[in-house]
Amino acid sequence: MTMSAADFLDQWFETDVLKATMSASGIIGTFLGIRSPGTAYVLLHHYMGEIDGAFRSWGFSRGGTGGISLAIASAAREAGAEIPPRRPRQQDSGEERPRLRRGAEIPAKKSAAMWFPPAWIRT
């Protein structure tokens, strides 16, 4: 749906105060305005969603976004992943493996980073 949230709500409601309140659900997390194309889809997505049977509900993670990161790290460690305690340093052009700032080499064919990916990618 390419319609804006404002245009969609104009078809169903007359009261500007009500439309203004409802249109907020069409722009959450989009960096768009209520008249931007596609925000009607976002609005409907939020109004039709449900969590554990409660419609138009929002879920919040225990511990915030950091709690999600810690849960992912914990699951990765349980699966055998090793997570270095420090961020990697920029690689020299001749190096094949990522090294930590303290000099430890990471012996892996593949590695992933969430701090600053360009520090891990050889160009």
C-alpha atoms as a PDB file:
ATOM      1  CA  MET A   1       0.000   0.000   0.000  1.00  0.00           C
ATOM      2  CA  THR A   2       1.634   3.235  -1.148  1.00  0.00           C
ATOM      3  CA  MET A   3      -0.924   5.587   0.390  1.00  0.00           C
ATOM      4  CA  SER A   4       0.069   7.957   3.173  1.00  0.00           C
ATOM      5  CA  ALA A   5      -1.269   7.480   6.694  1.00  0.00           C
ATOM      6  CA  ALA A   6      -2.928  10.909   6.515  1.00  0.00           C
ATOM      7  CA  ASP A   7      -4.763  10.098   3.263  1.00  0.00           C
ATOM      8  CA  PHE A   8      -5.891   6.719   4.581  1.00  0.00           C
ATOM      9  CA  LEU A   9      -7.249   8.216   7.805  1.00  0.00           C
ATOM     10  CA  ASP A  10      -8.955  11.030   5.867  1.00  0.00           C
ATOM     11  CA  GLN A  11     -11.087   8.357   4.171  1.00  0.00           C
ATOM     12  CA  TRP A  12     -12.379   7.026   7.492  1.00  0.00           C
ATOM     13  CA  PHE A  13     -12.379   9.863  10.031  1.00  0.00           C
ATOM     14  CA  GLU A  14     -13.345  13.542  10.155  1.00  0.00           C
ATOM     15  CA  THR A  15     -11.843  14.757  13.439  1.00  0.00           C
ATOM     16  CA  ASP A  16      -8.327  16.152  13.004  1.00  0.00           C
ATOM     17  CA  VAL A  17      -7.377  15.469  16.615  1.00  0.00           C
ATOM     18  CA  LEU A  18      -8.292  11.800  16.241  1.00  0.00           C
ATOM     19  CA  LYS A  19      -6.508  11.498  12.886  1.00  0.00           C
ATOM     20  CA  ALA A  20      -3.396  13.163  14.309  1.00  0.00           C
ATOM     21  CA  THR A  21      -3.307  10.746  17.222  1.00  0.00           C
ATOM     22  CA  MET A  22      -3.846   7.683  15.040  1.00  0.00           C
ATOM     23  CA  SER A  23      -1.390   8.760  12.339  1.00  0.00           C
ATOM     24  CA  ALA A  24       1.512   8.493  14.788  1.00  0.00           C
ATOM     25  CA  SER A  25       1.356   4.701  14.364  1.00  0.00           C
ATOM     26  CA  GLY A  26       2.113   5.191  10.666  1.00  0.00           C
ATOM     27  CA  ILE A  27       5.440   6.898  11.162  1.00  0.00           C
ATOM     28  CA  ILE A  28       6.993   5.071  14.121  1.00  0.00           C
ATOM     29  CA  GLY A  29      10.494   3.975  13.184  1.00  0.00           C
ATOM     30  CA  THR A  30      10.292   5.268   9.610  1.00  0.00           C
ATOM     31  CA  PHE A  31      11.862   8.759   9.719  1.00  0.00           C
ATOM     32  CA  LEU A  32       8.940   9.833   7.527  1.00  0.00           C
ATOM     33  CA  GLY A  33       6.023  12.211   7.919  1.00  0.00           C
ATOM     34  CA  ILE A  34       2.335  11.321   8.045  1.00  0.00           C
ATOM     35  CA  ARG A  35       1.888  12.396   4.404  1.00  0.00           C
ATOM     36  CA  SER A  36       4.767  10.234   3.106  1.00  0.00           C
ATOM     37  CA  PRO A  37       3.849   7.419   0.702  1.00  0.00           C
ATOM     38  CA  GLY A  38       3.773   3.997   2.336  1.00  0.00           C
ATOM     39  CA  THR A  39       2.993   5.131   5.848  1.00  0.00           C
ATOM     40  CA  ALA A  40      -0.567   3.764   5.567  1.00  0.00           C
ATOM     41  CA  TYR A  41       0.965   0.278   5.408  1.00  0.00           C
ATOM     42  CA  VAL A  42       2.997   0.976   8.559  1.00  0.00           C
ATOM     43  CA  LEU A  43      -0.131   2.282  10.295  1.00  0.00           C
ATOM     44  CA  LEU A  44      -2.143  -0.825   9.383  1.00  0.00           C
ATOM     45  CA  HIS A  45       0.751  -3.097  10.336  1.00  0.00           C
ATOM     46  CA  HIS A  46       0.783  -1.592  13.817  1.00  0.00           C
ATOM     47  CA  TYR A  47      -2.993  -1.660  14.210  1.00  0.00           C
ATOM     48  CA  MET A  48      -3.351  -5.278  13.049  1.00  0.00           C
ATOM     49  CA  GLY A  49      -0.441  -6.694  15.036  1.00  0.00           C
ATOM     50  CA  GLU A  50      -0.828  -8.672  18.243  1.00  0.00           C
ATOM     51  CA  ILE A  51       1.320 -10.072  21.022  1.00  0.00           C
ATOM     52  CA  ASP A  52       0.068 -13.125  22.900  1.00  0.00           C
ATOM     53  CA  GLY A  53      -3.510 -12.444  21.820  1.00  0.00           C
ATOM     54  CA  ALA A  54      -3.506  -8.741  22.771  1.00  0.00           C
ATOM     55  CA  PHE A  55      -4.143  -6.682  19.645  1.00  0.00           C
ATOM     56  CA  ARG A  56      -2.406  -3.354  19.019  1.00  0.00           C
ATOM     57  CA  SER A  57       0.132  -4.137  21.724  1.00  0.00           C
ATOM     58  CA  TRP A  58       3.817  -3.377  21.879  1.00  0.00           C
ATOM     59  CA  GLY A  59       6.455  -5.635  23.314  1.00  0.00           C
ATOM     60  CA  PHE A  60       9.488  -4.423  25.209  1.00  0.00           C
ATOM     61  CA  SER A  61      12.510  -6.572  25.878  1.00  0.00           C
ATOM     62  CA  ARG A  62      13.605  -7.097  29.448  1.00  0.00           C
ATOM     63  CA  GLY A  63      16.885  -5.227  29.821  1.00  0.00           C
ATOM     64  CA  GLY A  64      16.278  -3.046  26.753  1.00  0.00           C
ATOM     65  CA  THR A  65      18.217  -3.326  23.515  1.00  0.00           C
ATOM     66  CA  GLY A  66      21.335  -4.246  25.476  1.00  0.00           C
ATOM     67  CA  GLY A  67      19.450  -7.203  26.922  1.00  0.00           C
ATOM     68  CA  ILE A  68      18.815  -8.485  23.401  1.00  0.00           C
ATOM     69  CA  SER A  69      22.529  -8.215  22.579  1.00  0.00           C
ATOM     70  CA  LEU A  70      23.437 -10.097  25.745  1.00  0.00           C
ATOM     71  CA  ALA A  71      20.904 -12.839  24.942  1.00  0.00           C
ATOM     72  CA  ILE A  72      22.325 -13.226  21.419  1.00  0.00           C
ATOM     73  CA  ALA A  73      25.873 -13.404  22.826  1.00  0.00           C
ATOM     74  CA  SER A  74      24.805 -15.993  25.393  1.00  0.00           C
ATOM     75  CA  ALA A  75      23.157 -18.161  22.732  1.00  0.00           C
ATOM     76  CA  ALA A  76      26.233 -17.851  20.502  1.00  0.00           C
ATOM     77  CA  ARG A  77      28.535 -18.946  23.343  1.00  0.00           C
ATOM     78  CA  GLU A  78      26.269 -21.927  24.070  1.00  0.00           C
ATOM     79  CA  ALA A  79      26.590 -22.890  20.390  1.00  0.00           C
ATOM     80  CA  GLY A  80      30.400 -22.764  20.622  1.00  0.00           C
ATOM     81  CA  ALA A  81      31.166 -19.230  19.426  1.00  0.00           C
ATOM     82  CA  GLU A  82      34.009 -17.298  20.978  1.00  0.00           C
ATOM     83  CA  ILE A  83      33.417 -13.597  21.423  1.00  0.00           C
ATOM     84  CA  PRO A  84      36.582 -11.510  21.850  1.00  0.00           C
ATOM     85  CA  PRO A  85      36.435  -8.974  24.669  1.00  0.00           C
ATOM     86  CA  ARG A  86      37.795  -6.020  22.680  1.00  0.00           C
ATOM     87  CA  ARG A  87      37.016  -4.410  19.368  1.00  0.00           C
ATOM     88  CA  PRO A  88      39.311  -5.243  16.435  1.00  0.00           C
ATOM     89  CA  ARG A  89      41.883  -2.834  15.101  1.00  0.00           C
ATOM     90  CA  GLN A  90      42.096  -1.755  11.452  1.00  0.00           C
ATOM     91  CA  GLN A  91      43.751  -4.441   9.346  1.00  0.00           C
ATOM     92  CA  ASP A  92      46.930  -3.902   7.350  1.00  0.00           C
ATOM     93  CA  SER A  93      46.537  -4.786   3.674  1.00  0.00           C
ATOM     94  CA  GLY A  94      48.719  -7.928   3.960  1.00  0.00           C
ATOM     95  CA  GLU A  95      46.976  -9.530   6.932  1.00  0.00           C
ATOM     96  CA  GLU A  96      44.634 -12.440   6.392  1.00  0.00           C
ATOM     97  CA  ARG A  97      43.048 -12.796   9.823  1.00  0.00           C
ATOM     98  CA  PRO A  98      41.483 -10.247  12.151  1.00  0.00           C
ATOM     99  CA  ARG A  99      43.620  -9.198  15.112  1.00  0.00           C
ATOM    100  CA  LEU A 100      42.530  -7.591  18.325  1.00  0.00           C
ATOM    101  CA  ARG A 101      44.175  -4.383  19.476  1.00  0.00           C
ATOM    102  CA  ARG A 102      46.186  -6.279  22.055  1.00  0.00           C
ATOM    103  CA  GLY A 103      47.618  -8.359  19.191  1.00  0.00           C
ATOM    104  CA  ALA A 104      45.755 -11.649  19.543  1.00  0.00           C
ATOM    105  CA  GLU A 105      44.922 -13.185  16.185  1.00  0.00           C
ATOM    106  CA  ILE A 106      41.488 -14.656  15.582  1.00  0.00           C
ATOM    107  CA  PRO A 107      42.000 -17.988  13.768  1.00  0.00           C
ATOM    108  CA  ALA A 108      38.769 -18.151  11.804  1.00  0.00           C
ATOM    109  CA  LYS A 109      37.872 -18.404   8.134  1.00  0.00           C
ATOM    110  CA  LYS A 110      34.937 -16.074   8.765  1.00  0.00           C
ATOM    111  CA  SER A 111      34.334 -13.496  11.432  1.00  0.00           C
ATOM    112  CA  ALA A 112      31.557 -11.071  12.275  1.00  0.00           C
ATOM    113  CA  ALA A 113      31.579  -7.729  14.025  1.00  0.00           C
ATOM    114  CA  MET A 114      28.881  -5.375  15.212  1.00  0.00           C
ATOM    115  CA  TRP A 115      31.080  -2.512  16.368  1.00  0.00           C
ATOM    116  CA  PHE A 116      32.584  -1.118  13.186  1.00  0.00           C
ATOM    117  CA  PRO A 117      32.378  -3.562  10.270  1.00  0.00           C
ATOM    118  CA  PRO A 118      34.836  -1.674   7.982  1.00  0.00           C
ATOM    119  CA  ALA A 119      37.565  -2.572  10.474  1.00  0.00           C
ATOM    120  CA  TRP A 120      37.015  -6.236   9.603  1.00  0.00           C
ATOM    121  CA  ILE A 121      36.445  -6.032   5.859  1.00  0.00           C
ATOM    122  CA  ARG A 122      39.436  -6.268   3.535  1.00  0.00           C
ATOM    123  CA  THR A 123      39.020  -4.166   0.412  1.00  0.00           C
END
